[in-house]
Amino acid sequence: MILAKSGGAAIPVLHRALIEQRNMPEVLALLGDIGDESVERDLARYVSHRDEAIARAATDALRALALRHGGGSS
């Protein structure tokens, strides 16, 4: 929750968690919640992940990001 409220300042911490593959579904969800379009490529990278929970989290995060930025047709 605190990371999501931190906005863009939390992105480096969350990127580090992605690199270290820690708490992937939660990290992906947080990246979507932050709403910074700069994370779109990072999220898209995990949409086809072999772990269903990670793939779903990435898809949901991309959808949240699109809704936030007026592209809600996903």
C-alpha atoms as a PDB file:
ATOM      1  CA  MET A   1       0.000   0.000   0.000  1.00  0.00           C
ATOM      2  CA  ILE A   2       2.764   2.425   0.916  1.00  0.00           C
ATOM      3  CA  LEU A   3       4.629   1.633  -2.287  1.00  0.00           C
ATOM      4  CA  ALA A   4       1.525   2.267  -4.403  1.00  0.00           C
ATOM      5  CA  LYS A   5       0.997   5.626  -2.701  1.00  0.00           C
ATOM      6  CA  SER A   6       4.626   6.518  -3.356  1.00  0.00           C
ATOM      7  CA  GLY A   7       3.874   6.660  -7.062  1.00  0.00           C
ATOM      8  CA  GLY A   8       6.795   6.861  -9.428  1.00  0.00           C
ATOM      9  CA  ALA A   9       9.271   6.920  -6.549  1.00  0.00           C
ATOM     10  CA  ALA A  10       8.458   3.248  -5.886  1.00  0.00           C
ATOM     11  CA  ILE A  11       9.217   2.116  -9.446  1.00  0.00           C
ATOM     12  CA  PRO A  12      12.958   1.456  -8.877  1.00  0.00           C
ATOM     13  CA  VAL A  13      12.174  -0.670  -5.805  1.00  0.00           C
ATOM     14  CA  LEU A  14       9.555  -2.624  -7.730  1.00  0.00           C
ATOM     15  CA  HIS A  15      11.893  -3.084 -10.720  1.00  0.00           C
ATOM     16  CA  ARG A  16      14.456  -4.541  -8.340  1.00  0.00           C
ATOM     17  CA  ALA A  17      11.848  -6.976  -7.016  1.00  0.00           C
ATOM     18  CA  LEU A  18      11.073  -8.035 -10.608  1.00  0.00           C
ATOM     19  CA  ILE A  19      14.748  -8.644 -11.329  1.00  0.00           C
ATOM     20  CA  GLU A  20      15.040 -10.710  -8.160  1.00  0.00           C
ATOM     21  CA  GLN A  21      11.709 -12.415  -8.957  1.00  0.00           C
ATOM     22  CA  ARG A  22      10.286 -11.687  -5.526  1.00  0.00           C
ATOM     23  CA  ASN A  23       6.525 -11.544  -4.913  1.00  0.00           C
ATOM     24  CA  MET A  24       5.904 -11.281  -8.629  1.00  0.00           C
ATOM     25  CA  PRO A  25       2.067 -11.112  -8.712  1.00  0.00           C
ATOM     26  CA  GLU A  26       2.029  -8.453  -5.998  1.00  0.00           C
ATOM     27  CA  VAL A  27       4.813  -6.440  -7.616  1.00  0.00           C
ATOM     28  CA  LEU A  28       3.089  -6.515 -11.006  1.00  0.00           C
ATOM     29  CA  ALA A  29      -0.194  -5.429  -9.420  1.00  0.00           C
ATOM     30  CA  LEU A  30       1.551  -2.553  -7.662  1.00  0.00           C
ATOM     31  CA  LEU A  31       3.154  -1.412 -10.898  1.00  0.00           C
ATOM     32  CA  GLY A  32      -0.305  -1.306 -12.473  1.00  0.00           C
ATOM     33  CA  ASP A  33      -1.756   0.532  -9.474  1.00  0.00           C
ATOM     34  CA  ILE A  34       0.922   3.201  -9.621  1.00  0.00           C
ATOM     35  CA  GLY A  35      -0.331   4.040 -13.087  1.00  0.00           C
ATOM     36  CA  ASP A  36       2.915   5.285 -14.586  1.00  0.00           C
ATOM     37  CA  GLU A  37       2.940   4.507 -18.316  1.00  0.00           C
ATOM     38  CA  SER A  38       6.696   3.922 -18.173  1.00  0.00           C
ATOM     39  CA  VAL A  39       6.055   0.445 -16.692  1.00  0.00           C
ATOM     40  CA  GLU A  40       3.898  -0.778 -19.581  1.00  0.00           C
ATOM     41  CA  ARG A  41       6.761  -2.633 -21.270  1.00  0.00           C
ATOM     42  CA  ASP A  42       7.731  -4.304 -17.993  1.00  0.00           C
ATOM     43  CA  LEU A  43       4.167  -5.486 -17.452  1.00  0.00           C
ATOM     44  CA  ALA A  44       3.781  -6.726 -21.026  1.00  0.00           C
ATOM     45  CA  ARG A  45       6.888  -8.867 -20.627  1.00  0.00           C
ATOM     46  CA  TYR A  46       5.072 -11.057 -18.077  1.00  0.00           C
ATOM     47  CA  VAL A  47       1.692 -11.510 -19.811  1.00  0.00           C
ATOM     48  CA  SER A  48       2.775 -14.857 -21.271  1.00  0.00           C
ATOM     49  CA  HIS A  49       4.648 -16.069 -18.201  1.00  0.00           C
ATOM     50  CA  ARG A  50       4.431 -19.817 -17.536  1.00  0.00           C
ATOM     51  CA  ASP A  51       3.184 -19.165 -13.988  1.00  0.00           C
ATOM     52  CA  GLU A  52      -0.521 -18.473 -14.355  1.00  0.00           C
ATOM     53  CA  ALA A  53      -0.678 -16.163 -11.330  1.00  0.00           C
ATOM     54  CA  ILE A  54       2.107 -13.996 -12.733  1.00  0.00           C
ATOM     55  CA  ALA A  55       0.560 -13.886 -16.209  1.00  0.00           C
ATOM     56  CA  ARG A  56      -2.833 -12.966 -14.756  1.00  0.00           C
ATOM     57  CA  ALA A  57      -1.330 -10.257 -12.531  1.00  0.00           C
ATOM     58  CA  ALA A  58       0.498  -8.737 -15.504  1.00  0.00           C
ATOM     59  CA  THR A  59      -2.650  -8.796 -17.641  1.00  0.00           C
ATOM     60  CA  ASP A  60      -4.724  -7.211 -14.872  1.00  0.00           C
ATOM     61  CA  ALA A  61      -2.058  -4.575 -14.253  1.00  0.00           C
ATOM     62  CA  LEU A  62      -1.955  -3.653 -17.941  1.00  0.00           C
ATOM     63  CA  ARG A  63      -5.732  -3.378 -17.957  1.00  0.00           C
ATOM     64  CA  ALA A  64      -5.636  -1.093 -14.893  1.00  0.00           C
ATOM     65  CA  LEU A  65      -2.964   1.024 -16.536  1.00  0.00           C
ATOM     66  CA  ALA A  66      -5.022   1.334 -19.734  1.00  0.00           C
ATOM     67  CA  LEU A  67      -8.125   2.323 -17.783  1.00  0.00           C
ATOM     68  CA  ARG A  68      -6.171   4.949 -15.922  1.00  0.00           C
ATOM     69  CA  HIS A  69      -4.946   6.500 -19.123  1.00  0.00           C
ATOM     70  CA  GLY A  70      -8.197   6.404 -21.055  1.00  0.00           C
ATOM     71  CA  GLY A  71      -7.486   3.300 -23.109  1.00  0.00           C
ATOM     72  CA  GLY A  72     -10.103   1.147 -21.424  1.00  0.00           C
ATOM     73  CA  SER A  73     -10.952  -0.954 -24.459  1.00  0.00           C
ATOM     74  CA  SER A  74      -8.872  -3.985 -23.279  1.00  0.00           C
END
